[in-house]
Amino acid sequence: MTVTSHAHPTAEAIVEASPQEWREETSWWTRMWTSASTAKAVSAESALLSRFLLNSSYSLRRVAVEVNNFGTQHINSLIVSPPEHVKHVHAKEASDDVPIVMTHGFGSGLAMFYRNLEDLSTRSGRRVYAVDWLGMGRSSRADYPARTSSRDLWGLWKKAGPDEVDPEQLNYFLDSLEAWRKEMGIERMHLLGHSWGGYLSTRYAQKYPERVKTLTLASPFGVADRHAEAAPVAPEGEAKMNPKSLPLAARAMLRFWEWNYTPQYIIRMMGPWASDKAHSAVDRRFGDTMTADEKRLVCDYLLNLALLAPAGEYSLHAFASILTSPKFGLYAREPLRKIISFTDIPTSFIYGDADWMYNPQVLAIVDRNQKAVSHHTIPGAGHHVYLDQPHLFNNCFLSHIAQLTPTIDSVPTPAASYVS
């Protein structure tokens, strides 16, 4: 493993793949077909971080952990420390030193928080960690367990039901994050998760509540309980919608879903055409909110992650199901509504005002658990709310954790910053 210093001497990042990563390398055929490799993923991550983390001390490394049923694995970890003068000021006022831990969404990685990391660390005076989930990003690509669960009364293996998540498939992520926490010596954390990471962070907080001081869910997946969705009333004698009545594209999606194909699989199959398609998608999504160089760095990073060996991506089918009725959509098998409605952990939902992931059931959760749960909307932002409006997002997040430690996080949050 090679470590290099960038523009400032306190920034260290891995610029060559470790021996463990080479052993987990994707097949030679995929590398040849897509022109992707672990080395390119490492380089893309390092380039993105070194371009935007200019004023903070940070280190990037893969942390070895022991995970139940999976042995020794490596969790890709970024640690950002506040400047010395900030640490000195906050040390006089701090009533705790609970760090911030950030987790990414599906198909993403820790470097996508590049617009948030430095500001959060500097303004809060806290150490900020960002991690790649096991089987995703640049963490170990441990084989994802098949969808089977406990034995039945006859001693035979049975599959998890349509409204159940196999415990082993869930613990693949939760136990590896817990093992990472122990290895890093973190007692408690302010845990923040985006999208898929929001779902997994909630499940982690459910299993290890004593380790989570606050929970922040940025446009999380899996909020809605599909059984609580209002079913449309069909005219008398009219049959309910069935898959055959769906458009061809939707039917094809259902078929691929049944075969457990993932978006990353489609990208790998595109081979040499994947890069152009990915750059076009990034350009359409972020438009003039990013410079051409920034969009190139983001695209290179996400594309190379997508083309690595498949592993954690198979959790898409494990945790979610596509429903055609009462309305077509992707729902969590075990929705967050059933968990957060009864949590004691201070929890904040943050969405963009143009966020396709938003579901109005969030309001029912807040109404049911007003003591612990809050909801905020960031103007001018979509699903990647942390990236679309980083300053407003950081304001909202720091305000949330400041409610418990006001002497540390005296962050101004004027009414124009975000809408509650």
Foldseek 3Di string as FASTA:
>chain_A
DDWDAAPDRLEIADQADDPLQVVQFDDPVLCVQFVFTPNLLRNLLVVLQSVQVPPWRKYWDWCWFQFPPQGTWTKTKMKTAEDPVQLVVLVVQFPDQAAAEEEEAPLAAQSVLSLAQHVLRHQQRHMYMYIYFDCFRSIDNTAQDDQWADADPVRHIHGDDLLDFHVSNLSSGLRVVVRVCVSVVHQAHAYEYAACGLVSVLVNCVVVVRRYQAYEYQLYAAADDPVPDDFDDDPPPDDADDLVPDDPVVNVVQVCLVVLDFPLNVLSVCGHCNLVVLLVVLCVVCPPVDDPVSSVSRSSNSSSRSSGDGHSRSCQSSQWDFDPPSHTDIHGSHGCLVPLLPDPRQYEYEAEPAEPSDDVCLVVSCVSCVPRYYYWYAYQDYSVRCNRQVVLVSLVSLVSVCVVVVSRNVRDDDCVSIDD
